[in-house]
Amino acid sequence: MSKVVIIDDEPLARSLVAEYLQQHSSIEIAAECNDGFQGVKAIMQHKPDLIFLDIQMPKINGFEMLELLDSTPSVIFTTAFDEYAIKAFEANAIDYLLKPFSKERFDLAIQKWNEKKNTSSEKNIQSLLENTTKQPDEKNRIVVKNGSDIRIVPMADVMYIEAYDDYVKIFTKDTYFLKKKTMNYYEQVLDSSQFFRTHRSFIINLQELTKIEPLEKNYTAISR
């Protein structure tokens, strides 16, 4: 028996997925969630094989939710995104259901998942998160997980970002958070008028810059 979690802020959309799943006796619905916060907790608790995930949700969107997961189950997106975003999903071998979707299209998505469910989706998900066009909110904030807590950090509170193996450290005045992202990702996503990459391992908030000092043939940036 395969376990599924449905994550969508629209009750009718969740009900439709649950109704369609009744015809698939080998699949059990472990939880239904109406936002990404609930989704993260349900995935940690139930460890589903598959999730149905909306993208545009309150609090945090579907992409931000995926970034918080330590391990990623297979994902079928249920989305009202336009065709250009959907092309990005196709390129990364992620299936999607464009709302409103039919029972036939739903069954096809399940069939695709059955054909792929023995292969890891981790690489495809990471590629999707790195390359898909970001939502406006994602350029103004970073969503991080601190133990079991989820925190939304405004970009204005970020002092600098430091490379750390396969992660980055995001520093605020009080603490830092680990995020499984690349420096190149943040260099592309962050507002270039506010953040600047001073080194392959550092991106600084220009509002925190107090002076620049010569250091041999190079320069060093000093933040407050």
N, C-alpha and C. Protein backbone atom coordinates (compact mmCIF):
# COMPACT_ATOMS: atom_id res chain seq x y z
N MET A 1 0.84 -1.20 0.00
CA MET A 1 0.00 0.00 0.00
C MET A 1 0.88 1.25 0.00
N SER A 2 0.65 2.13 -0.97
CA SER A 2 1.39 3.38 -1.06
C SER A 2 0.65 4.48 -0.31
N LYS A 3 1.39 5.35 0.37
CA LYS A 3 0.80 6.44 1.13
C LYS A 3 0.91 7.76 0.37
N VAL A 4 -0.15 8.56 0.46
CA VAL A 4 -0.23 9.83 -0.26
C VAL A 4 -0.62 10.94 0.71
N VAL A 5 -0.04 12.13 0.51
CA VAL A 5 -0.47 13.33 1.23
C VAL A 5 -0.93 14.35 0.19
N ILE A 6 -2.09 14.96 0.43
CA ILE A 6 -2.65 15.97 -0.47
C ILE A 6 -2.47 17.34 0.18
N ILE A 7 -1.83 18.27 -0.53
CA ILE A 7 -1.54 19.60 0.04
C ILE A 7 -2.07 20.66 -0.92
N ASP A 8 -3.16 21.30 -0.53
CA ASP A 8 -3.81 22.30 -1.39
C ASP A 8 -4.69 23.16 -0.50
N ASP A 9 -4.68 24.47 -0.70
CA ASP A 9 -5.48 25.35 0.14
C ASP A 9 -6.94 25.41 -0.30
N GLU A 10 -7.27 24.79 -1.43
CA GLU A 10 -8.65 24.78 -1.91
C GLU A 10 -9.33 23.47 -1.52
N PRO A 11 -10.35 23.52 -0.64
CA PRO A 11 -11.02 22.28 -0.21
C PRO A 11 -11.59 21.47 -1.37
N LEU A 12 -12.15 22.15 -2.37
CA LEU A 12 -12.71 21.42 -3.50
C LEU A 12 -11.63 20.67 -4.28
N ALA A 13 -10.46 21.29 -4.40
CA ALA A 13 -9.36 20.62 -5.11
C ALA A 13 -8.90 19.39 -4.35
N ARG A 14 -8.81 19.49 -3.02
CA ARG A 14 -8.43 18.33 -2.22
C ARG A 14 -9.47 17.23 -2.34
N SER A 15 -10.75 17.63 -2.32
CA SER A 15 -11.83 16.65 -2.42
C SER A 15 -11.81 15.93 -3.77
N LEU A 16 -11.48 16.68 -4.82
CA LEU A 16 -11.44 16.07 -6.15
C LEU A 16 -10.33 15.03 -6.24
N VAL A 17 -9.14 15.37 -5.72
CA VAL A 17 -8.03 14.40 -5.72
C VAL A 17 -8.41 13.17 -4.90
N ALA A 18 -9.01 13.37 -3.73
CA ALA A 18 -9.42 12.25 -2.88
C ALA A 18 -10.46 11.38 -3.58
N GLU A 19 -11.38 12.02 -4.29
CA GLU A 19 -12.40 11.26 -5.03
C GLU A 19 -11.77 10.41 -6.13
N TYR A 20 -10.86 11.01 -6.88
CA TYR A 20 -10.21 10.28 -7.96
C TYR A 20 -9.36 9.12 -7.42
N LEU A 21 -8.79 9.31 -6.23
CA LEU A 21 -7.94 8.27 -5.65
C LEU A 21 -8.73 7.05 -5.19
N GLN A 22 -10.05 7.19 -5.03
CA GLN A 22 -10.86 6.06 -4.59
C GLN A 22 -10.81 4.91 -5.58
N GLN A 23 -10.51 5.23 -6.82
CA GLN A 23 -10.43 4.19 -7.86
C GLN A 23 -9.07 3.49 -7.86
N HIS A 24 -8.15 3.92 -7.00
CA HIS A 24 -6.81 3.33 -6.95
C HIS A 24 -6.63 2.66 -5.58
N SER A 25 -7.01 1.39 -5.53
CA SER A 25 -7.07 0.67 -4.25
C SER A 25 -5.71 0.46 -3.60
N SER A 26 -4.63 0.62 -4.35
CA SER A 26 -3.29 0.41 -3.78
C SER A 26 -2.73 1.67 -3.15
N ILE A 27 -3.53 2.75 -3.14
CA ILE A 27 -3.07 4.03 -2.60
C ILE A 27 -3.93 4.43 -1.41
N GLU A 28 -3.29 4.79 -0.32
CA GLU A 28 -3.97 5.23 0.90
C GLU A 28 -3.67 6.70 1.16
N ILE A 29 -4.71 7.49 1.45
CA ILE A 29 -4.52 8.90 1.79
C ILE A 29 -4.12 9.00 3.26
N ALA A 30 -2.89 9.43 3.52
CA ALA A 30 -2.39 9.52 4.89
C ALA A 30 -2.80 10.83 5.55
N ALA A 31 -2.91 11.92 4.76
CA ALA A 31 -3.27 13.22 5.32
C ALA A 31 -3.69 14.17 4.22
N GLU A 32 -4.54 15.13 4.58
CA GLU A 32 -4.90 16.24 3.71
C GLU A 32 -4.52 17.54 4.43
N CYS A 33 -3.83 18.44 3.74
CA CYS A 33 -3.31 19.67 4.35
C CYS A 33 -3.74 20.87 3.52
N ASN A 34 -4.02 21.99 4.22
CA ASN A 34 -4.46 23.19 3.48
C ASN A 34 -3.39 24.26 3.36
N ASP A 35 -2.15 23.98 3.83
CA ASP A 35 -1.05 24.91 3.59
C ASP A 35 0.29 24.17 3.72
N GLY A 36 1.36 24.87 3.37
CA GLY A 36 2.68 24.25 3.36
C GLY A 36 3.20 23.90 4.75
N PHE A 37 2.81 24.66 5.77
CA PHE A 37 3.24 24.34 7.13
C PHE A 37 2.71 22.97 7.54
N GLN A 38 1.41 22.77 7.32
CA GLN A 38 0.82 21.47 7.62
C GLN A 38 1.44 20.38 6.75
N GLY A 39 1.74 20.74 5.51
CA GLY A 39 2.32 19.77 4.59
C GLY A 39 3.65 19.23 5.07
N VAL A 40 4.54 20.12 5.53
CA VAL A 40 5.85 19.69 6.03
C VAL A 40 5.67 18.73 7.20
N LYS A 41 4.80 19.08 8.15
CA LYS A 41 4.59 18.24 9.32
C LYS A 41 4.01 16.88 8.94
N ALA A 42 3.05 16.87 8.00
CA ALA A 42 2.44 15.61 7.57
C ALA A 42 3.45 14.72 6.86
N ILE A 43 4.32 15.31 6.06
CA ILE A 43 5.33 14.52 5.34
C ILE A 43 6.34 13.93 6.32
N MET A 44 6.75 14.73 7.32
CA MET A 44 7.67 14.22 8.34
C MET A 44 7.03 13.09 9.15
N GLN A 45 5.74 13.21 9.42
CA GLN A 45 5.06 12.21 10.23
C GLN A 45 4.76 10.93 9.46
N HIS A 46 4.22 11.07 8.25
CA HIS A 46 3.72 9.90 7.52
C HIS A 46 4.71 9.32 6.52
N LYS A 47 5.71 10.11 6.12
CA LYS A 47 6.69 9.67 5.12
C LYS A 47 5.99 9.05 3.89
N PRO A 48 5.21 9.87 3.19
CA PRO A 48 4.44 9.34 2.06
C PRO A 48 5.33 8.99 0.87
N ASP A 49 4.79 8.16 0.01
CA ASP A 49 5.48 7.81 -1.23
C ASP A 49 5.24 8.87 -2.30
N LEU A 50 4.11 9.56 -2.19
CA LEU A 50 3.70 10.53 -3.21
C LEU A 50 2.95 11.67 -2.53
N ILE A 51 3.16 12.90 -3.03
CA ILE A 51 2.34 14.03 -2.58
C ILE A 51 1.72 14.71 -3.79
N PHE A 52 0.49 15.17 -3.60
CA PHE A 52 -0.16 16.06 -4.57
C PHE A 52 -0.01 17.46 -4.01
N LEU A 53 0.63 18.35 -4.74
CA LEU A 53 1.05 19.62 -4.19
C LEU A 53 0.60 20.80 -5.04
N ASP A 54 -0.16 21.71 -4.43
CA ASP A 54 -0.49 22.98 -5.07
C ASP A 54 0.74 23.89 -4.97
N ILE A 55 0.82 24.89 -5.82
CA ILE A 55 1.97 25.80 -5.79
C ILE A 55 1.60 27.11 -5.12
N GLN A 56 0.52 27.72 -5.55
CA GLN A 56 0.13 29.03 -5.01
C GLN A 56 -0.75 28.81 -3.78
N MET A 57 -0.12 28.92 -2.60
CA MET A 57 -0.83 28.74 -1.34
C MET A 57 -0.47 29.87 -0.39
N PRO A 58 -1.31 30.15 0.62
CA PRO A 58 -0.96 31.17 1.61
C PRO A 58 0.19 30.71 2.49
N LYS A 59 0.78 31.65 3.21
CA LYS A 59 1.90 31.41 4.13
C LYS A 59 3.17 31.09 3.35
N ILE A 60 3.31 29.87 2.85
CA ILE A 60 4.46 29.53 2.00
C ILE A 60 3.93 28.78 0.77
N ASN A 61 4.59 28.97 -0.37
CA ASN A 61 4.11 28.29 -1.58
C ASN A 61 4.71 26.89 -1.69
N GLY A 62 4.29 26.16 -2.71
CA GLY A 62 4.71 24.78 -2.84
C GLY A 62 6.20 24.60 -3.02
N PHE A 63 6.85 25.51 -3.76
CA PHE A 63 8.30 25.43 -3.93
C PHE A 63 9.02 25.61 -2.61
N GLU A 64 8.59 26.61 -1.84
CA GLU A 64 9.22 26.87 -0.55
C GLU A 64 9.04 25.68 0.39
N MET A 65 7.89 25.04 0.32
CA MET A 65 7.65 23.87 1.16
C MET A 65 8.61 22.73 0.82
N LEU A 66 8.81 22.50 -0.48
CA LEU A 66 9.72 21.43 -0.90
C LEU A 66 11.14 21.68 -0.40
N GLU A 67 11.55 22.94 -0.35
CA GLU A 67 12.91 23.27 0.09
C GLU A 67 13.14 22.91 1.55
N LEU A 68 12.07 22.77 2.33
CA LEU A 68 12.20 22.50 3.75
C LEU A 68 12.31 21.01 4.07
N LEU A 69 12.11 20.16 3.07
CA LEU A 69 12.09 18.72 3.32
C LEU A 69 13.49 18.14 3.32
N ASP A 70 13.76 17.26 4.28
CA ASP A 70 15.05 16.57 4.32
C ASP A 70 15.13 15.52 3.23
N SER A 71 14.04 14.85 2.95
CA SER A 71 13.97 13.91 1.84
C SER A 71 12.64 14.15 1.12
N THR A 72 12.68 14.07 -0.20
CA THR A 72 11.53 14.47 -0.99
C THR A 72 10.82 13.27 -1.58
N PRO A 73 9.52 13.12 -1.31
CA PRO A 73 8.76 12.06 -1.97
C PRO A 73 8.50 12.43 -3.42
N SER A 74 7.92 11.52 -4.16
CA SER A 74 7.50 11.86 -5.52
C SER A 74 6.43 12.93 -5.45
N VAL A 75 6.42 13.82 -6.46
CA VAL A 75 5.49 14.95 -6.45
C VAL A 75 4.69 15.00 -7.74
N ILE A 76 3.38 15.13 -7.59
CA ILE A 76 2.52 15.49 -8.71
C ILE A 76 1.94 16.86 -8.37
N PHE A 77 2.26 17.87 -9.17
CA PHE A 77 1.76 19.21 -8.91
C PHE A 77 0.30 19.32 -9.35
N THR A 78 -0.49 19.99 -8.55
CA THR A 78 -1.84 20.38 -8.95
C THR A 78 -1.84 21.90 -8.98
N THR A 79 -1.83 22.48 -10.15
CA THR A 79 -1.48 23.89 -10.26
C THR A 79 -2.33 24.63 -11.28
N ALA A 80 -2.48 25.93 -11.05
CA ALA A 80 -3.11 26.80 -12.02
C ALA A 80 -2.06 27.63 -12.76
N PHE A 81 -0.78 27.21 -12.65
CA PHE A 81 0.31 27.91 -13.33
C PHE A 81 0.09 27.92 -14.84
N ASP A 82 0.68 28.90 -15.50
CA ASP A 82 0.53 29.00 -16.94
C ASP A 82 1.45 28.01 -17.66
N GLU A 83 1.30 27.94 -18.97
CA GLU A 83 2.00 26.94 -19.77
C GLU A 83 3.52 27.11 -19.74
N TYR A 84 4.01 28.31 -19.51
CA TYR A 84 5.46 28.51 -19.50
C TYR A 84 6.10 27.87 -18.28
N ALA A 85 5.44 27.98 -17.14
CA ALA A 85 5.95 27.33 -15.95
C ALA A 85 5.85 25.82 -16.09
N ILE A 86 4.78 25.36 -16.71
CA ILE A 86 4.60 23.92 -16.87
C ILE A 86 5.71 23.32 -17.73
N LYS A 87 6.22 24.06 -18.70
CA LYS A 87 7.34 23.56 -19.50
C LYS A 87 8.54 23.26 -18.63
N ALA A 88 8.74 24.04 -17.57
CA ALA A 88 9.85 23.78 -16.65
C ALA A 88 9.63 22.47 -15.91
N PHE A 89 8.38 22.18 -15.53
CA PHE A 89 8.10 20.92 -14.86
C PHE A 89 8.41 19.75 -15.80
N GLU A 90 7.98 19.87 -17.05
CA GLU A 90 8.20 18.80 -18.02
C GLU A 90 9.68 18.54 -18.22
N ALA A 91 10.46 19.60 -18.27
CA ALA A 91 11.90 19.46 -18.51
C ALA A 91 12.58 18.73 -17.37
N ASN A 92 12.00 18.79 -16.17
CA ASN A 92 12.60 18.13 -15.01
C ASN A 92 11.88 16.84 -14.65
N ALA A 93 11.10 16.30 -15.59
CA ALA A 93 10.43 15.01 -15.41
C ALA A 93 9.50 15.01 -14.21
N ILE A 94 8.91 16.16 -13.87
CA ILE A 94 7.93 16.25 -12.80
C ILE A 94 6.55 16.33 -13.44
N ASP A 95 5.64 15.46 -13.00
CA ASP A 95 4.31 15.49 -13.60
C ASP A 95 3.48 16.61 -12.96
N TYR A 96 2.42 17.02 -13.63
CA TYR A 96 1.59 18.11 -13.16
C TYR A 96 0.16 17.88 -13.62
N LEU A 97 -0.76 18.45 -12.87
CA LEU A 97 -2.17 18.46 -13.25
C LEU A 97 -2.59 19.91 -13.30
N LEU A 98 -2.91 20.39 -14.47
CA LEU A 98 -3.31 21.78 -14.66
C LEU A 98 -4.81 21.91 -14.35
N LYS A 99 -5.12 22.70 -13.32
CA LYS A 99 -6.52 22.86 -12.91
C LYS A 99 -7.33 23.61 -13.97
N PRO A 100 -8.56 23.18 -14.23
CA PRO A 100 -9.23 21.98 -13.72
C PRO A 100 -8.80 20.76 -14.53
N PHE A 101 -8.60 19.63 -13.89
CA PHE A 101 -8.14 18.44 -14.59
C PHE A 101 -9.19 17.34 -14.52
N SER A 102 -9.16 16.49 -15.52
CA SER A 102 -10.15 15.42 -15.64
C SER A 102 -9.67 14.15 -14.94
N LYS A 103 -10.59 13.22 -14.79
CA LYS A 103 -10.25 11.91 -14.21
C LYS A 103 -9.23 11.20 -15.10
N GLU A 104 -9.38 11.33 -16.41
CA GLU A 104 -8.46 10.67 -17.34
C GLU A 104 -7.05 11.23 -17.18
N ARG A 105 -6.94 12.55 -17.06
CA ARG A 105 -5.60 13.15 -16.90
C ARG A 105 -5.00 12.77 -15.56
N PHE A 106 -5.84 12.69 -14.53
CA PHE A 106 -5.38 12.27 -13.21
C PHE A 106 -4.84 10.84 -13.26
N ASP A 107 -5.59 9.95 -13.90
CA ASP A 107 -5.16 8.55 -13.99
C ASP A 107 -3.84 8.42 -14.75
N LEU A 108 -3.65 9.28 -15.76
CA LEU A 108 -2.40 9.26 -16.50
C LEU A 108 -1.23 9.67 -15.61
N ALA A 109 -1.45 10.66 -14.74
CA ALA A 109 -0.40 11.08 -13.81
C ALA A 109 -0.04 9.96 -12.85
N ILE A 110 -1.05 9.24 -12.36
CA ILE A 110 -0.80 8.09 -11.48
C ILE A 110 -0.03 7.02 -12.23
N GLN A 111 -0.37 6.79 -13.47
CA GLN A 111 0.34 5.80 -14.28
C GLN A 111 1.81 6.17 -14.44
N LYS A 112 2.07 7.45 -14.70
CA LYS A 112 3.45 7.92 -14.83
C LYS A 112 4.22 7.71 -13.53
N TRP A 113 3.55 8.02 -12.43
CA TRP A 113 4.21 7.83 -11.13
C TRP A 113 4.52 6.36 -10.87
N ASN A 114 3.58 5.48 -11.20
CA ASN A 114 3.81 4.04 -11.01
C ASN A 114 5.01 3.56 -11.82
N GLU A 115 5.21 4.17 -12.98
CA GLU A 115 6.35 3.77 -13.82
C GLU A 115 7.67 4.29 -13.28
N LYS A 116 7.62 5.36 -12.46
CA LYS A 116 8.85 6.00 -11.99
C LYS A 116 9.09 5.85 -10.50
N LYS A 117 8.17 5.27 -9.75
CA LYS A 117 8.22 5.38 -8.30
C LYS A 117 9.37 4.62 -7.65
N ASN A 118 10.03 3.77 -8.39
CA ASN A 118 11.19 3.07 -7.84
C ASN A 118 12.49 3.82 -8.08
N THR A 119 12.39 4.99 -8.70
CA THR A 119 13.59 5.80 -8.92
C THR A 119 13.51 7.05 -8.04
N SER A 120 14.65 7.56 -7.64
CA SER A 120 14.70 8.71 -6.74
C SER A 120 14.25 9.97 -7.47
N SER A 121 13.44 10.78 -6.79
CA SER A 121 13.00 12.06 -7.36
C SER A 121 13.83 13.22 -6.85
N GLU A 122 14.80 12.96 -5.98
CA GLU A 122 15.54 14.03 -5.30
C GLU A 122 16.25 14.94 -6.31
N LYS A 123 16.95 14.35 -7.28
CA LYS A 123 17.71 15.15 -8.24
C LYS A 123 16.79 16.01 -9.08
N ASN A 124 15.66 15.44 -9.52
CA ASN A 124 14.74 16.21 -10.34
C ASN A 124 14.11 17.36 -9.56
N ILE A 125 13.79 17.11 -8.30
CA ILE A 125 13.20 18.17 -7.48
C ILE A 125 14.19 19.31 -7.28
N GLN A 126 15.45 18.97 -6.98
CA GLN A 126 16.46 20.02 -6.78
C GLN A 126 16.66 20.83 -8.04
N SER A 127 16.67 20.15 -9.20
CA SER A 127 16.81 20.86 -10.46
C SER A 127 15.62 21.78 -10.70
N LEU A 128 14.43 21.30 -10.38
CA LEU A 128 13.24 22.12 -10.53
C LEU A 128 13.32 23.37 -9.66
N LEU A 129 13.70 23.21 -8.40
CA LEU A 129 13.75 24.34 -7.48
C LEU A 129 14.81 25.35 -7.87
N GLU A 130 15.89 24.88 -8.50
CA GLU A 130 16.96 25.79 -8.92
C GLU A 130 16.58 26.58 -10.17
N ASN A 131 15.76 25.99 -11.04
CA ASN A 131 15.59 26.56 -12.37
C ASN A 131 14.21 27.14 -12.67
N THR A 132 13.20 26.79 -11.88
CA THR A 132 11.87 27.29 -12.16
C THR A 132 11.76 28.77 -11.78
N THR A 133 11.02 29.53 -12.57
CA THR A 133 10.79 30.93 -12.27
C THR A 133 10.18 31.07 -10.88
N LYS A 134 10.74 31.97 -10.09
CA LYS A 134 10.32 32.10 -8.70
C LYS A 134 9.07 32.97 -8.56
N GLN A 135 8.33 32.69 -7.51
CA GLN A 135 7.20 33.53 -7.14
C GLN A 135 7.73 34.86 -6.57
N PRO A 136 6.96 35.96 -6.69
CA PRO A 136 7.43 37.26 -6.19
C PRO A 136 7.84 37.23 -4.72
N ASP A 137 7.10 36.50 -3.88
CA ASP A 137 7.42 36.46 -2.45
C ASP A 137 8.79 35.87 -2.19
N GLU A 138 9.23 34.94 -3.04
CA GLU A 138 10.49 34.25 -2.80
C GLU A 138 11.70 35.17 -2.98
N LYS A 139 11.50 36.30 -3.64
CA LYS A 139 12.60 37.25 -3.82
C LYS A 139 12.70 38.22 -2.63
N ASN A 140 11.68 38.18 -1.78
CA ASN A 140 11.64 39.09 -0.65
C ASN A 140 11.83 38.40 0.69
N ARG A 141 11.96 37.08 0.67
CA ARG A 141 12.06 36.34 1.92
C ARG A 141 12.73 35.00 1.69
N ILE A 142 13.18 34.40 2.78
CA ILE A 142 13.72 33.05 2.75
C ILE A 142 13.00 32.24 3.81
N VAL A 143 12.46 31.10 3.43
CA VAL A 143 11.76 30.23 4.37
C VAL A 143 12.74 29.17 4.85
N VAL A 144 12.92 29.06 6.16
CA VAL A 144 13.89 28.13 6.73
C VAL A 144 13.22 27.27 7.79
N LYS A 145 13.82 26.12 8.04
CA LYS A 145 13.35 25.23 9.09
C LYS A 145 14.39 25.18 10.18
N ASN A 146 13.96 25.44 11.42
CA ASN A 146 14.83 25.41 12.58
C ASN A 146 14.28 24.36 13.54
N GLY A 147 14.82 23.14 13.45
CA GLY A 147 14.25 22.03 14.18
C GLY A 147 12.89 21.70 13.61
N SER A 148 11.86 21.73 14.43
CA SER A 148 10.51 21.48 13.94
C SER A 148 9.77 22.77 13.60
N ASP A 149 10.42 23.91 13.84
CA ASP A 149 9.80 25.21 13.56
C ASP A 149 10.13 25.69 12.16
N ILE A 150 9.18 26.38 11.56
CA ILE A 150 9.39 27.00 10.24
C ILE A 150 9.37 28.51 10.43
N ARG A 151 10.37 29.17 9.87
CA ARG A 151 10.49 30.62 10.05
C ARG A 151 10.63 31.30 8.69
N ILE A 152 9.96 32.43 8.55
CA ILE A 152 10.07 33.24 7.34
C ILE A 152 10.98 34.43 7.64
N VAL A 153 12.13 34.49 6.96
CA VAL A 153 13.13 35.52 7.21
C VAL A 153 13.06 36.56 6.10
N PRO A 154 12.69 37.81 6.40
CA PRO A 154 12.70 38.85 5.36
C PRO A 154 14.12 39.07 4.85
N MET A 155 14.26 39.33 3.56
CA MET A 155 15.58 39.56 2.98
C MET A 155 16.30 40.74 3.65
N ALA A 156 15.54 41.71 4.13
CA ALA A 156 16.15 42.86 4.79
C ALA A 156 16.88 42.46 6.07
N ASP A 157 16.51 41.32 6.66
CA ASP A 157 17.16 40.86 7.89
C ASP A 157 18.40 40.03 7.64
N VAL A 158 18.65 39.68 6.38
CA VAL A 158 19.81 38.85 6.03
C VAL A 158 21.05 39.74 5.93
N MET A 159 22.07 39.45 6.74
CA MET A 159 23.31 40.23 6.71
C MET A 159 24.23 39.74 5.60
N TYR A 160 24.42 38.42 5.55
CA TYR A 160 25.22 37.84 4.47
C TYR A 160 24.93 36.35 4.37
N ILE A 161 25.37 35.77 3.27
CA ILE A 161 25.19 34.34 3.00
C ILE A 161 26.56 33.76 2.72
N GLU A 162 26.83 32.61 3.33
CA GLU A 162 28.13 31.96 3.21
C GLU A 162 27.97 30.53 2.69
N ALA A 163 28.81 30.13 1.74
CA ALA A 163 28.78 28.76 1.25
C ALA A 163 29.23 27.81 2.34
N TYR A 164 28.57 26.63 2.41
CA TYR A 164 28.89 25.66 3.46
C TYR A 164 28.63 24.27 2.91
N ASP A 165 29.65 23.66 2.28
CA ASP A 165 29.51 22.35 1.64
C ASP A 165 28.34 22.37 0.65
N ASP A 166 27.37 21.45 0.84
CA ASP A 166 26.21 21.39 -0.06
C ASP A 166 25.10 22.34 0.36
N TYR A 167 25.36 23.15 1.39
CA TYR A 167 24.37 24.07 1.92
C TYR A 167 24.91 25.50 1.83
N VAL A 168 24.09 26.45 2.29
CA VAL A 168 24.56 27.80 2.56
C VAL A 168 24.15 28.15 3.98
N LYS A 169 24.93 29.03 4.61
CA LYS A 169 24.56 29.58 5.91
C LYS A 169 23.98 30.97 5.67
N ILE A 170 22.79 31.21 6.17
CA ILE A 170 22.13 32.50 6.03
C ILE A 170 22.20 33.21 7.38
N PHE A 171 22.97 34.29 7.44
CA PHE A 171 23.23 34.97 8.70
C PHE A 171 22.29 36.16 8.88
N THR A 172 21.69 36.23 10.07
CA THR A 172 20.97 37.42 10.51
C THR A 172 21.74 38.02 11.68
N LYS A 173 21.23 39.06 12.27
CA LYS A 173 21.93 39.68 13.40
C LYS A 173 22.02 38.75 14.60
N ASP A 174 21.05 37.88 14.76
CA ASP A 174 20.97 37.06 15.96
C ASP A 174 21.50 35.64 15.79
N THR A 175 21.41 35.10 14.58
CA THR A 175 21.74 33.69 14.40
C THR A 175 22.00 33.40 12.92
N TYR A 176 22.11 32.13 12.58
CA TYR A 176 22.19 31.76 11.17
C TYR A 176 21.36 30.50 10.95
N PHE A 177 20.98 30.28 9.68
CA PHE A 177 20.18 29.13 9.31
C PHE A 177 20.86 28.41 8.15
N LEU A 178 20.73 27.09 8.14
CA LEU A 178 21.24 26.30 7.03
C LEU A 178 20.15 26.11 5.99
N LYS A 179 20.54 26.22 4.72
CA LYS A 179 19.59 26.03 3.64
C LYS A 179 20.27 25.21 2.55
N LYS A 180 19.59 24.19 2.05
CA LYS A 180 20.18 23.35 1.00
C LYS A 180 19.96 24.02 -0.36
N LYS A 181 20.80 25.01 -0.62
CA LYS A 181 20.76 25.77 -1.86
C LYS A 181 22.19 26.07 -2.28
N THR A 182 22.36 26.58 -3.50
CA THR A 182 23.69 26.93 -3.98
C THR A 182 23.88 28.44 -3.94
N MET A 183 25.13 28.87 -3.93
CA MET A 183 25.42 30.30 -4.01
C MET A 183 24.96 30.87 -5.34
N ASN A 184 25.10 30.10 -6.41
CA ASN A 184 24.66 30.57 -7.72
C ASN A 184 23.16 30.85 -7.74
N TYR A 185 22.41 30.01 -7.03
CA TYR A 185 20.96 30.21 -6.95
C TYR A 185 20.66 31.57 -6.34
N TYR A 186 21.26 31.86 -5.19
CA TYR A 186 20.96 33.13 -4.53
C TYR A 186 21.53 34.33 -5.29
N GLU A 187 22.63 34.14 -5.98
CA GLU A 187 23.17 35.22 -6.79
C GLU A 187 22.18 35.62 -7.89
N GLN A 188 21.47 34.64 -8.43
CA GLN A 188 20.50 34.91 -9.49
C GLN A 188 19.18 35.44 -8.95
N VAL A 189 18.76 34.96 -7.77
CA VAL A 189 17.44 35.29 -7.26
C VAL A 189 17.42 36.62 -6.51
N LEU A 190 18.47 36.91 -5.74
CA LEU A 190 18.46 38.11 -4.89
C LEU A 190 18.53 39.39 -5.72
N ASP A 191 17.99 40.44 -5.16
CA ASP A 191 17.99 41.76 -5.78
C ASP A 191 19.44 42.27 -5.85
N SER A 192 19.95 42.46 -7.05
CA SER A 192 21.35 42.87 -7.23
C SER A 192 21.63 44.27 -6.69
N SER A 193 20.58 45.07 -6.49
CA SER A 193 20.79 46.39 -5.90
C SER A 193 20.93 46.32 -4.38
N GLN A 194 20.58 45.17 -3.81
CA GLN A 194 20.64 45.00 -2.36
C GLN A 194 21.73 44.02 -1.93
N PHE A 195 22.01 43.00 -2.78
CA PHE A 195 22.97 41.97 -2.42
C PHE A 195 24.06 41.88 -3.50
N PHE A 196 25.28 41.60 -3.05
CA PHE A 196 26.42 41.52 -3.97
C PHE A 196 27.31 40.35 -3.58
N ARG A 197 27.73 39.59 -4.58
CA ARG A 197 28.62 38.46 -4.32
C ARG A 197 30.07 38.96 -4.35
N THR A 198 30.68 39.00 -3.18
CA THR A 198 32.04 39.53 -3.05
C THR A 198 33.09 38.45 -3.26
N HIS A 199 32.70 37.19 -3.20
CA HIS A 199 33.63 36.07 -3.24
C HIS A 199 32.81 34.85 -3.62
N ARG A 200 33.46 33.80 -4.10
CA ARG A 200 32.68 32.61 -4.46
C ARG A 200 31.96 32.02 -3.27
N SER A 201 32.38 32.38 -2.05
CA SER A 201 31.77 31.82 -0.84
C SER A 201 30.93 32.81 -0.05
N PHE A 202 30.81 34.07 -0.54
CA PHE A 202 30.08 35.06 0.24
C PHE A 202 29.21 35.95 -0.64
N ILE A 203 27.99 36.20 -0.16
CA ILE A 203 27.10 37.22 -0.70
C ILE A 203 26.73 38.14 0.45
N ILE A 204 26.90 39.44 0.29
CA ILE A 204 26.63 40.35 1.40
C ILE A 204 25.45 41.26 1.10
N ASN A 205 24.78 41.68 2.16
CA ASN A 205 23.75 42.70 2.08
C ASN A 205 24.46 44.05 2.05
N LEU A 206 24.30 44.80 0.99
CA LEU A 206 25.02 46.07 0.84
C LEU A 206 24.65 47.09 1.92
N GLN A 207 23.48 46.92 2.53
CA GLN A 207 23.09 47.81 3.62
C GLN A 207 23.96 47.61 4.86
N GLU A 208 24.62 46.43 4.93
CA GLU A 208 25.48 46.13 6.07
C GLU A 208 26.94 46.51 5.82
N LEU A 209 27.23 46.95 4.62
CA LEU A 209 28.61 47.29 4.25
C LEU A 209 29.00 48.65 4.84
N THR A 210 30.11 48.69 5.57
CA THR A 210 30.57 49.95 6.16
C THR A 210 31.81 50.49 5.48
N LYS A 211 32.71 49.60 5.02
CA LYS A 211 33.90 50.08 4.32
C LYS A 211 34.55 48.93 3.54
N ILE A 212 35.42 49.31 2.62
CA ILE A 212 36.19 48.35 1.83
C ILE A 212 37.67 48.66 2.04
N GLU A 213 38.44 47.67 2.44
CA GLU A 213 39.86 47.87 2.71
C GLU A 213 40.71 47.06 1.75
N PRO A 214 41.86 47.61 1.30
CA PRO A 214 42.76 46.85 0.44
C PRO A 214 43.41 45.71 1.21
N LEU A 215 43.55 44.56 0.55
CA LEU A 215 44.19 43.40 1.16
C LEU A 215 45.08 42.78 0.09
N GLU A 216 46.39 43.10 0.17
CA GLU A 216 47.35 42.70 -0.87
C GLU A 216 46.83 43.17 -2.22
N LYS A 217 46.60 42.23 -3.17
CA LYS A 217 46.15 42.63 -4.49
C LYS A 217 44.63 42.69 -4.60
N ASN A 218 43.94 42.31 -3.51
CA ASN A 218 42.50 42.29 -3.51
C ASN A 218 41.94 43.26 -2.48
N TYR A 219 40.62 43.20 -2.30
CA TYR A 219 39.98 44.05 -1.31
C TYR A 219 39.12 43.18 -0.38
N THR A 220 38.90 43.67 0.80
CA THR A 220 38.02 42.96 1.74
C THR A 220 36.90 43.89 2.14
N ALA A 221 35.69 43.34 2.19
CA ALA A 221 34.52 44.14 2.57
C ALA A 221 34.30 43.97 4.05
N ILE A 222 34.04 45.07 4.75
CA ILE A 222 33.82 45.07 6.20
C ILE A 222 32.36 45.41 6.44
N SER A 223 31.66 44.54 7.17
CA SER A 223 30.27 44.82 7.53
C SER A 223 30.19 45.18 8.98
N ARG A 224 29.11 45.83 9.33
CA ARG A 224 28.96 46.28 10.71
C ARG A 224 28.48 45.16 11.62
